[in-house]
Amino acid sequence: MKNRNLNLVSRMQAPTPKWFRVMRNLGLTLSAVGGALIASPVSLPAGIISIGGYLLLGGTIIGAVSQTAVSSEEYGKNVSKPGENFK
């Protein structure tokens, strides 16, 4: 049985499942749009600047969480179900 206790660096370097790669790219896109709204050279209303901040924050969180997901294929088909380790 393999050791499933991964530190943050090995988790970030491990293969990412397809769904989480899509979510990571969505997070990067949201962050880019939010950053463009915040850093725009023209004067925008405060509501749009606020929305840009939320897009930036949400995109960053989605990207970070999605990048730390690890593919279960690395561990084989005998992946334990939640709560099985605590019997």
PDB file of N, CA and C in Angstrom:
ATOM      1  N   MET A   1       0.838  -1.172   0.000  1.00  0.00           N
ATOM      2  CA  MET A   1       0.000   0.000   0.000  1.00  0.00           C
ATOM      3  C   MET A   1       0.884   1.237   0.000  1.00  0.00           C
ATOM      4  N   LYS A   2       0.537   2.198  -0.832  1.00  0.00           N
ATOM      5  CA  LYS A   2       1.347   3.401  -0.944  1.00  0.00           C
ATOM      6  C   LYS A   2       0.991   4.386   0.156  1.00  0.00           C
ATOM      7  N   ASN A   3       1.950   5.232   0.439  1.00  0.00           N
ATOM      8  CA  ASN A   3       1.735   6.284   1.424  1.00  0.00           C
ATOM      9  C   ASN A   3       0.883   7.379   0.794  1.00  0.00           C
ATOM     10  N   ARG A   4      -0.272   7.665   1.357  1.00  0.00           N
ATOM     11  CA  ARG A   4      -1.175   8.666   0.793  1.00  0.00           C
ATOM     12  C   ARG A   4      -1.045  10.014   1.470  1.00  0.00           C
ATOM     13  N   ASN A   5      -0.112  10.161   2.370  1.00  0.00           N
ATOM     14  CA  ASN A   5       0.098  11.444   3.024  1.00  0.00           C
ATOM     15  C   ASN A   5       1.058  12.266   2.175  1.00  0.00           C
ATOM     16  N   LEU A   6       0.522  13.162   1.374  1.00  0.00           N
ATOM     17  CA  LEU A   6       1.324  13.995   0.492  1.00  0.00           C
ATOM     18  C   LEU A   6       1.478  15.377   1.103  1.00  0.00           C
ATOM     19  N   ASN A   7       2.671  15.921   1.005  1.00  0.00           N
ATOM     20  CA  ASN A   7       2.814  17.311   1.420  1.00  0.00           C
ATOM     21  C   ASN A   7       2.365  18.211   0.268  1.00  0.00           C
ATOM     22  N   LEU A   8       2.344  19.498   0.488  1.00  0.00           N
ATOM     23  CA  LEU A   8       1.783  20.427  -0.491  1.00  0.00           C
ATOM     24  C   LEU A   8       2.571  20.430  -1.794  1.00  0.00           C
ATOM     25  N   VAL A   9       3.890  20.352  -1.724  1.00  0.00           N
ATOM     26  CA  VAL A   9       4.708  20.393  -2.935  1.00  0.00           C
ATOM     27  C   VAL A   9       4.460  19.156  -3.793  1.00  0.00           C
ATOM     28  N   SER A  10       4.454  17.960  -3.182  1.00  0.00           N
ATOM     29  CA  SER A  10       4.211  16.763  -3.985  1.00  0.00           C
ATOM     30  C   SER A  10       2.780  16.711  -4.501  1.00  0.00           C
ATOM     31  N   ARG A  11       1.849  17.291  -3.778  1.00  0.00           N
ATOM     32  CA  ARG A  11       0.461  17.343  -4.240  1.00  0.00           C
ATOM     33  C   ARG A  11       0.352  18.253  -5.461  1.00  0.00           C
ATOM     34  N   MET A  12       1.076  19.368  -5.462  1.00  0.00           N
ATOM     35  CA  MET A  12       1.027  20.291  -6.592  1.00  0.00           C
ATOM     36  C   MET A  12       1.711  19.697  -7.827  1.00  0.00           C
ATOM     37  N   GLN A  13       2.687  18.798  -7.631  1.00  0.00           N
ATOM     38  CA  GLN A  13       3.406  18.214  -8.747  1.00  0.00           C
ATOM     39  C   GLN A  13       2.756  16.926  -9.260  1.00  0.00           C
ATOM     40  N   ALA A  14       1.811  16.373  -8.530  1.00  0.00           N
ATOM     41  CA  ALA A  14       1.156  15.124  -8.918  1.00  0.00           C
ATOM     42  C   ALA A  14       0.197  15.377 -10.085  1.00  0.00           C
ATOM     43  N   PRO A  15      -0.160  14.316 -10.837  1.00  0.00           N
ATOM     44  CA  PRO A  15      -1.099  14.488 -11.957  1.00  0.00           C
ATOM     45  C   PRO A  15      -2.477  14.958 -11.473  1.00  0.00           C
ATOM     46  N   THR A  16      -3.064  15.868 -12.230  1.00  0.00           N
ATOM     47  CA  THR A  16      -4.360  16.445 -11.890  1.00  0.00           C
ATOM     48  C   THR A  16      -5.437  15.815 -12.772  1.00  0.00           C
ATOM     49  N   PRO A  17      -6.583  15.421 -12.211  1.00  0.00           N
ATOM     50  CA  PRO A  17      -7.674  14.871 -13.027  1.00  0.00           C
ATOM     51  C   PRO A  17      -8.202  15.900 -14.031  1.00  0.00           C
ATOM     52  N   LYS A  18      -8.817  15.413 -15.100  1.00  0.00           N
ATOM     53  CA  LYS A  18      -9.274  16.285 -16.179  1.00  0.00           C
ATOM     54  C   LYS A  18     -10.255  17.352 -15.701  1.00  0.00           C
ATOM     55  N   TRP A  19     -11.233  16.980 -14.874  1.00  0.00           N
ATOM     56  CA  TRP A  19     -12.226  17.951 -14.410  1.00  0.00           C
ATOM     57  C   TRP A  19     -11.559  19.098 -13.659  1.00  0.00           C
ATOM     58  N   PHE A  20     -10.570  18.784 -12.855  1.00  0.00           N
ATOM     59  CA  PHE A  20      -9.901  19.823 -12.091  1.00  0.00           C
ATOM     60  C   PHE A  20      -8.972  20.673 -12.958  1.00  0.00           C
ATOM     61  N   ARG A  21      -8.472  20.112 -14.060  1.00  0.00           N
ATOM     62  CA  ARG A  21      -7.706  20.932 -15.003  1.00  0.00           C
ATOM     63  C   ARG A  21      -8.620  21.958 -15.658  1.00  0.00           C
ATOM     64  N   VAL A  22      -9.843  21.533 -16.000  1.00  0.00           N
ATOM     65  CA  VAL A  22     -10.820  22.463 -16.582  1.00  0.00           C
ATOM     66  C   VAL A  22     -11.162  23.552 -15.565  1.00  0.00           C
ATOM     67  N   MET A  23     -11.394  23.159 -14.322  1.00  0.00           N
ATOM     68  CA  MET A  23     -11.717  24.147 -13.283  1.00  0.00           C
ATOM     69  C   MET A  23     -10.538  25.085 -13.021  1.00  0.00           C
ATOM     70  N   ARG A  24      -9.312  24.572 -13.078  1.00  0.00           N
ATOM     71  CA  ARG A  24      -8.131  25.419 -12.889  1.00  0.00           C
ATOM     72  C   ARG A  24      -8.062  26.466 -13.986  1.00  0.00           C
ATOM     73  N   ASN A  25      -8.321  26.055 -15.228  1.00  0.00           N
ATOM     74  CA  ASN A  25      -8.296  27.012 -16.338  1.00  0.00           C
ATOM     75  C   ASN A  25      -9.414  28.039 -16.213  1.00  0.00           C
ATOM     76  N   LEU A  26     -10.580  27.613 -15.734  1.00  0.00           N
ATOM     77  CA  LEU A  26     -11.671  28.550 -15.489  1.00  0.00           C
ATOM     78  C   LEU A  26     -11.266  29.559 -14.414  1.00  0.00           C
ATOM     79  N   GLY A  27     -10.612  29.079 -13.361  1.00  0.00           N
ATOM     80  CA  GLY A  27     -10.139  29.968 -12.307  1.00  0.00           C
ATOM     81  C   GLY A  27      -9.122  30.974 -12.813  1.00  0.00           C
ATOM     82  N   LEU A  28      -8.219  30.530 -13.683  1.00  0.00           N
ATOM     83  CA  LEU A  28      -7.240  31.450 -14.262  1.00  0.00           C
ATOM     84  C   LEU A  28      -7.921  32.511 -15.113  1.00  0.00           C
ATOM     85  N   THR A  29      -8.956  32.101 -15.853  1.00  0.00           N
ATOM     86  CA  THR A  29      -9.690  33.053 -16.683  1.00  0.00           C
ATOM     87  C   THR A  29     -10.417  34.084 -15.822  1.00  0.00           C
ATOM     88  N   LEU A  30     -11.090  33.619 -14.773  1.00  0.00           N
ATOM     89  CA  LEU A  30     -11.784  34.547 -13.876  1.00  0.00           C
ATOM     90  C   LEU A  30     -10.807  35.516 -13.219  1.00  0.00           C
ATOM     91  N   SER A  31      -9.642  35.022 -12.831  1.00  0.00           N
ATOM     92  CA  SER A  31      -8.632  35.883 -12.221  1.00  0.00           C
ATOM     93  C   SER A  31      -8.132  36.938 -13.210  1.00  0.00           C
ATOM     94  N   ALA A  32      -7.951  36.534 -14.456  1.00  0.00           N
ATOM     95  CA  ALA A  32      -7.487  37.484 -15.469  1.00  0.00           C
ATOM     96  C   ALA A  32      -8.527  38.575 -15.733  1.00  0.00           C
ATOM     97  N   VAL A  33      -9.791  38.185 -15.814  1.00  0.00           N
ATOM     98  CA  VAL A  33     -10.855  39.176 -16.032  1.00  0.00           C
ATOM     99  C   VAL A  33     -10.958  40.113 -14.838  1.00  0.00           C
ATOM    100  N   GLY A  34     -10.911  39.549 -13.629  1.00  0.00           N
ATOM    101  CA  GLY A  34     -10.975  40.387 -12.430  1.00  0.00           C
ATOM    102  C   GLY A  34      -9.798  41.338 -12.325  1.00  0.00           C
ATOM    103  N   GLY A  35      -8.615  40.847 -12.642  1.00  0.00           N
ATOM    104  CA  GLY A  35      -7.432  41.710 -12.612  1.00  0.00           C
ATOM    105  C   GLY A  35      -7.514  42.811 -13.653  1.00  0.00           C
ATOM    106  N   ALA A  36      -8.047  42.506 -14.833  1.00  0.00           N
ATOM    107  CA  ALA A  36      -8.202  43.523 -15.872  1.00  0.00           C
ATOM    108  C   ALA A  36      -9.209  44.589 -15.450  1.00  0.00           C
ATOM    109  N   LEU A  37     -10.277  44.183 -14.764  1.00  0.00           N
ATOM    110  CA  LEU A  37     -11.263  45.168 -14.300  1.00  0.00           C
ATOM    111  C   LEU A  37     -10.676  46.079 -13.223  1.00  0.00           C
ATOM    112  N   ILE A  38      -9.910  45.503 -12.329  1.00  0.00           N
ATOM    113  CA  ILE A  38      -9.327  46.302 -11.245  1.00  0.00           C
ATOM    114  C   ILE A  38      -8.260  47.252 -11.778  1.00  0.00           C
ATOM    115  N   ALA A  39      -7.440  46.786 -12.709  1.00  0.00           N
ATOM    116  CA  ALA A  39      -6.311  47.579 -13.194  1.00  0.00           C
ATOM    117  C   ALA A  39      -6.632  48.373 -14.454  1.00  0.00           C
ATOM    118  N   SER A  40      -7.898  48.521 -14.794  1.00  0.00           N
ATOM    119  CA  SER A  40      -8.245  49.235 -16.025  1.00  0.00           C
ATOM    120  C   SER A  40      -7.837  50.702 -15.919  1.00  0.00           C
ATOM    121  N   PRO A  41      -7.316  51.258 -17.016  1.00  0.00           N
ATOM    122  CA  PRO A  41      -6.847  52.643 -16.981  1.00  0.00           C
ATOM    123  C   PRO A  41      -7.987  53.673 -17.009  1.00  0.00           C
ATOM    124  N   VAL A  42      -9.197  53.262 -17.369  1.00  0.00           N
ATOM    125  CA  VAL A  42     -10.323  54.191 -17.390  1.00  0.00           C
ATOM    126  C   VAL A  42     -11.051  54.136 -16.052  1.00  0.00           C
ATOM    127  N   SER A  43     -11.757  55.176 -15.755  1.00  0.00           N
ATOM    128  CA  SER A  43     -12.505  55.242 -14.503  1.00  0.00           C
ATOM    129  C   SER A  43     -13.792  54.425 -14.641  1.00  0.00           C
ATOM    130  N   LEU A  44     -13.911  53.384 -13.811  1.00  0.00           N
ATOM    131  CA  LEU A  44     -15.097  52.532 -13.818  1.00  0.00           C
ATOM    132  C   LEU A  44     -15.889  52.763 -12.535  1.00  0.00           C
ATOM    133  N   PRO A  45     -17.194  52.488 -12.568  1.00  0.00           N
ATOM    134  CA  PRO A  45     -17.992  52.628 -11.343  1.00  0.00           C
ATOM    135  C   PRO A  45     -17.497  51.683 -10.239  1.00  0.00           C
ATOM    136  N   ALA A  46     -17.766  52.064  -9.019  1.00  0.00           N
ATOM    137  CA  ALA A  46     -17.295  51.295  -7.864  1.00  0.00           C
ATOM    138  C   ALA A  46     -17.858  49.875  -7.862  1.00  0.00           C
ATOM    139  N   GLY A  47     -19.071  49.681  -8.350  1.00  0.00           N
ATOM    140  CA  GLY A  47     -19.675  48.346  -8.396  1.00  0.00           C
ATOM    141  C   GLY A  47     -18.910  47.398  -9.306  1.00  0.00           C
ATOM    142  N   ILE A  48     -18.453  47.908 -10.438  1.00  0.00           N
ATOM    143  CA  ILE A  48     -17.702  47.064 -11.368  1.00  0.00           C
ATOM    144  C   ILE A  48     -16.322  46.737 -10.798  1.00  0.00           C
ATOM    145  N   ILE A  49     -15.697  47.690 -10.122  1.00  0.00           N
ATOM    146  CA  ILE A  49     -14.405  47.433  -9.466  1.00  0.00           C
ATOM    147  C   ILE A  49     -14.586  46.382  -8.375  1.00  0.00           C
ATOM    148  N   SER A  50     -15.680  46.464  -7.641  1.00  0.00           N
ATOM    149  CA  SER A  50     -15.973  45.487  -6.600  1.00  0.00           C
ATOM    150  C   SER A  50     -16.183  44.092  -7.199  1.00  0.00           C
ATOM    151  N   ILE A  51     -16.909  44.008  -8.295  1.00  0.00           N
ATOM    152  CA  ILE A  51     -17.116  42.731  -8.979  1.00  0.00           C
ATOM    153  C   ILE A  51     -15.779  42.173  -9.458  1.00  0.00           C
ATOM    154  N   GLY A  52     -14.906  43.050  -9.960  1.00  0.00           N
ATOM    155  CA  GLY A  52     -13.578  42.616 -10.387  1.00  0.00           C
ATOM    156  C   GLY A  52     -12.780  42.014  -9.241  1.00  0.00           C
ATOM    157  N   GLY A  53     -12.901  42.593  -8.061  1.00  0.00           N
ATOM    158  CA  GLY A  53     -12.217  42.052  -6.885  1.00  0.00           C
ATOM    159  C   GLY A  53     -12.731  40.676  -6.508  1.00  0.00           C
ATOM    160  N   TYR A  54     -14.038  40.500  -6.580  1.00  0.00           N
ATOM    161  CA  TYR A  54     -14.623  39.195  -6.268  1.00  0.00           C
ATOM    162  C   TYR A  54     -14.239  38.150  -7.316  1.00  0.00           C
ATOM    163  N   LEU A  55     -14.203  38.546  -8.585  1.00  0.00           N
ATOM    164  CA  LEU A  55     -13.772  37.613  -9.632  1.00  0.00           C
ATOM    165  C   LEU A  55     -12.326  37.197  -9.421  1.00  0.00           C
ATOM    166  N   LEU A  56     -11.490  38.155  -9.057  1.00  0.00           N
ATOM    167  CA  LEU A  56     -10.083  37.858  -8.807  1.00  0.00           C
ATOM    168  C   LEU A  56      -9.925  36.902  -7.630  1.00  0.00           C
ATOM    169  N   LEU A  57     -10.630  37.163  -6.557  1.00  0.00           N
ATOM    170  CA  LEU A  57     -10.562  36.300  -5.379  1.00  0.00           C
ATOM    171  C   LEU A  57     -11.100  34.899  -5.676  1.00  0.00           C
ATOM    172  N   GLY A  58     -12.276  34.829  -6.288  1.00  0.00           N
ATOM    173  CA  GLY A  58     -12.883  33.532  -6.596  1.00  0.00           C
ATOM    174  C   GLY A  58     -12.041  32.726  -7.571  1.00  0.00           C
ATOM    175  N   GLY A  59     -11.514  33.361  -8.596  1.00  0.00           N
ATOM    176  CA  GLY A  59     -10.679  32.664  -9.560  1.00  0.00           C
ATOM    177  C   GLY A  59      -9.400  32.140  -8.940  1.00  0.00           C
ATOM    178  N   THR A  60      -8.816  32.913  -8.042  1.00  0.00           N
ATOM    179  CA  THR A  60      -7.599  32.470  -7.361  1.00  0.00           C
ATOM    180  C   THR A  60      -7.874  31.257  -6.487  1.00  0.00           C
ATOM    181  N   ILE A  61      -8.971  31.276  -5.754  1.00  0.00           N
ATOM    182  CA  ILE A  61      -9.315  30.146  -4.885  1.00  0.00           C
ATOM    183  C   ILE A  61      -9.631  28.903  -5.708  1.00  0.00           C
ATOM    184  N   ILE A  62     -10.415  29.058  -6.775  1.00  0.00           N
ATOM    185  CA  ILE A  62     -10.744  27.916  -7.637  1.00  0.00           C
ATOM    186  C   ILE A  62      -9.476  27.314  -8.232  1.00  0.00           C
ATOM    187  N   GLY A  63      -8.571  28.163  -8.706  1.00  0.00           N
ATOM    188  CA  GLY A  63      -7.332  27.672  -9.297  1.00  0.00           C
ATOM    189  C   GLY A  63      -6.451  26.945  -8.304  1.00  0.00           C
ATOM    190  N   ALA A  64      -6.330  27.492  -7.091  1.00  0.00           N
ATOM    191  CA  ALA A  64      -5.471  26.869  -6.083  1.00  0.00           C
ATOM    192  C   ALA A  64      -6.029  25.528  -5.614  1.00  0.00           C
ATOM    193  N   VAL A  65      -7.321  25.469  -5.366  1.00  0.00           N
ATOM    194  CA  VAL A  65      -7.934  24.222  -4.905  1.00  0.00           C
ATOM    195  C   VAL A  65      -7.889  23.163  -6.011  1.00  0.00           C
ATOM    196  N   SER A  66      -8.135  23.570  -7.242  1.00  0.00           N
ATOM    197  CA  SER A  66      -8.120  22.619  -8.350  1.00  0.00           C
ATOM    198  C   SER A  66      -6.725  22.063  -8.602  1.00  0.00           C
ATOM    199  N   GLN A  67      -5.701  22.870  -8.385  1.00  0.00           N
ATOM    200  CA  GLN A  67      -4.345  22.402  -8.629  1.00  0.00           C
ATOM    201  C   GLN A  67      -3.911  21.368  -7.599  1.00  0.00           C
ATOM    202  N   THR A  68      -4.483  21.386  -6.408  1.00  0.00           N
ATOM    203  CA  THR A  68      -4.064  20.444  -5.373  1.00  0.00           C
ATOM    204  C   THR A  68      -4.815  19.113  -5.436  1.00  0.00           C
ATOM    205  N   ALA A  69      -5.771  18.971  -6.355  1.00  0.00           N
ATOM    206  CA  ALA A  69      -6.465  17.686  -6.498  1.00  0.00           C
ATOM    207  C   ALA A  69      -5.509  16.674  -7.127  1.00  0.00           C
ATOM    208  N   VAL A  70      -5.547  15.443  -6.625  1.00  0.00           N
ATOM    209  CA  VAL A  70      -4.636  14.401  -7.093  1.00  0.00           C
ATOM    210  C   VAL A  70      -5.445  13.299  -7.756  1.00  0.00           C
ATOM    211  N   SER A  71      -4.957  12.827  -8.880  1.00  0.00           N
ATOM    212  CA  SER A  71      -5.621  11.754  -9.616  1.00  0.00           C
ATOM    213  C   SER A  71      -5.530  10.452  -8.831  1.00  0.00           C
ATOM    214  N   SER A  72      -6.632   9.724  -8.741  1.00  0.00           N
ATOM    215  CA  SER A  72      -6.641   8.464  -8.000  1.00  0.00           C
ATOM    216  C   SER A  72      -5.965   7.353  -8.777  1.00  0.00           C
ATOM    217  N   GLU A  73      -5.720   7.549 -10.069  1.00  0.00           N
ATOM    218  CA  GLU A  73      -5.035   6.540 -10.877  1.00  0.00           C
ATOM    219  C   GLU A  73      -3.628   6.291 -10.370  1.00  0.00           C
ATOM    220  N   GLU A  74      -3.073   7.282  -9.707  1.00  0.00           N
ATOM    221  CA  GLU A  74      -1.730   7.142  -9.164  1.00  0.00           C
ATOM    222  C   GLU A  74      -1.682   6.047  -8.112  1.00  0.00           C
ATOM    223  N   TYR A  75      -2.781   5.827  -7.419  1.00  0.00           N
ATOM    224  CA  TYR A  75      -2.827   4.856  -6.337  1.00  0.00           C
ATOM    225  C   TYR A  75      -3.404   3.516  -6.774  1.00  0.00           C
ATOM    226  N   GLY A  76      -3.795   3.380  -8.010  1.00  0.00           N
ATOM    227  CA  GLY A  76      -4.391   2.142  -8.470  1.00  0.00           C
ATOM    228  C   GLY A  76      -5.891   2.145  -8.263  1.00  0.00           C
ATOM    229  N   LYS A  77      -6.528   1.022  -8.491  1.00  0.00           N
ATOM    230  CA  LYS A  77      -7.982   0.950  -8.408  1.00  0.00           C
ATOM    231  C   LYS A  77      -8.483   0.707  -7.000  1.00  0.00           C
ATOM    232  N   ASN A  78      -7.623   0.365  -6.082  1.00  0.00           N
ATOM    233  CA  ASN A  78      -8.038   0.081  -4.707  1.00  0.00           C
ATOM    234  C   ASN A  78      -7.929   1.324  -3.827  1.00  0.00           C
ATOM    235  N   VAL A  79      -8.592   2.374  -4.240  1.00  0.00           N
ATOM    236  CA  VAL A  79      -8.581   3.600  -3.459  1.00  0.00           C
ATOM    237  C   VAL A  79      -9.634   3.465  -2.361  1.00  0.00           C
ATOM    238  N   SER A  80      -9.254   3.815  -1.154  1.00  0.00           N
ATOM    239  CA  SER A  80     -10.201   3.671  -0.037  1.00  0.00           C
ATOM    240  C   SER A  80     -11.292   4.719  -0.145  1.00  0.00           C
ATOM    241  N   LYS A  81     -12.454   4.368   0.393  1.00  0.00           N
ATOM    242  CA  LYS A  81     -13.577   5.278   0.425  1.00  0.00           C
ATOM    243  C   LYS A  81     -13.467   6.168   1.649  1.00  0.00           C
ATOM    244  N   PRO A  82     -14.138   7.318   1.639  1.00  0.00           N
ATOM    245  CA  PRO A  82     -14.050   8.216   2.778  1.00  0.00           C
ATOM    246  C   PRO A  82     -14.500   7.519   4.073  1.00  0.00           C
ATOM    247  N   GLY A  83     -13.719   7.656   5.104  1.00  0.00           N
ATOM    248  CA  GLY A  83     -14.047   7.085   6.395  1.00  0.00           C
ATOM    249  C   GLY A  83     -13.554   5.668   6.601  1.00  0.00           C
ATOM    250  N   GLU A  84     -13.002   5.028   5.567  1.00  0.00           N
ATOM    251  CA  GLU A  84     -12.536   3.658   5.696  1.00  0.00           C
ATOM    252  C   GLU A  84     -11.293   3.541   6.570  1.00  0.00           C
ATOM    253  N   ASN A  85     -10.481   4.587   6.598  1.00  0.00           N
ATOM    254  CA  ASN A  85      -9.230   4.539   7.348  1.00  0.00           C
ATOM    255  C   ASN A  85      -9.460   4.636   8.856  1.00  0.00           C
ATOM    256  N   PHE A  86     -10.662   4.996   9.261  1.00  0.00           N
ATOM    257  CA  PHE A  86     -10.923   5.232  10.683  1.00  0.00           C
ATOM    258  C   PHE A  86     -11.768   4.149  11.323  1.00  0.00           C
ATOM    259  N   LYS A  87     -11.707   2.925  10.844  1.00  0.00           N
ATOM    260  CA  LYS A  87     -12.498   1.822  11.417  1.00  0.00           C
ATOM    261  C   LYS A  87     -11.855   1.289  12.661  1.00  0.00           C
TER     262      LYS A  87
END
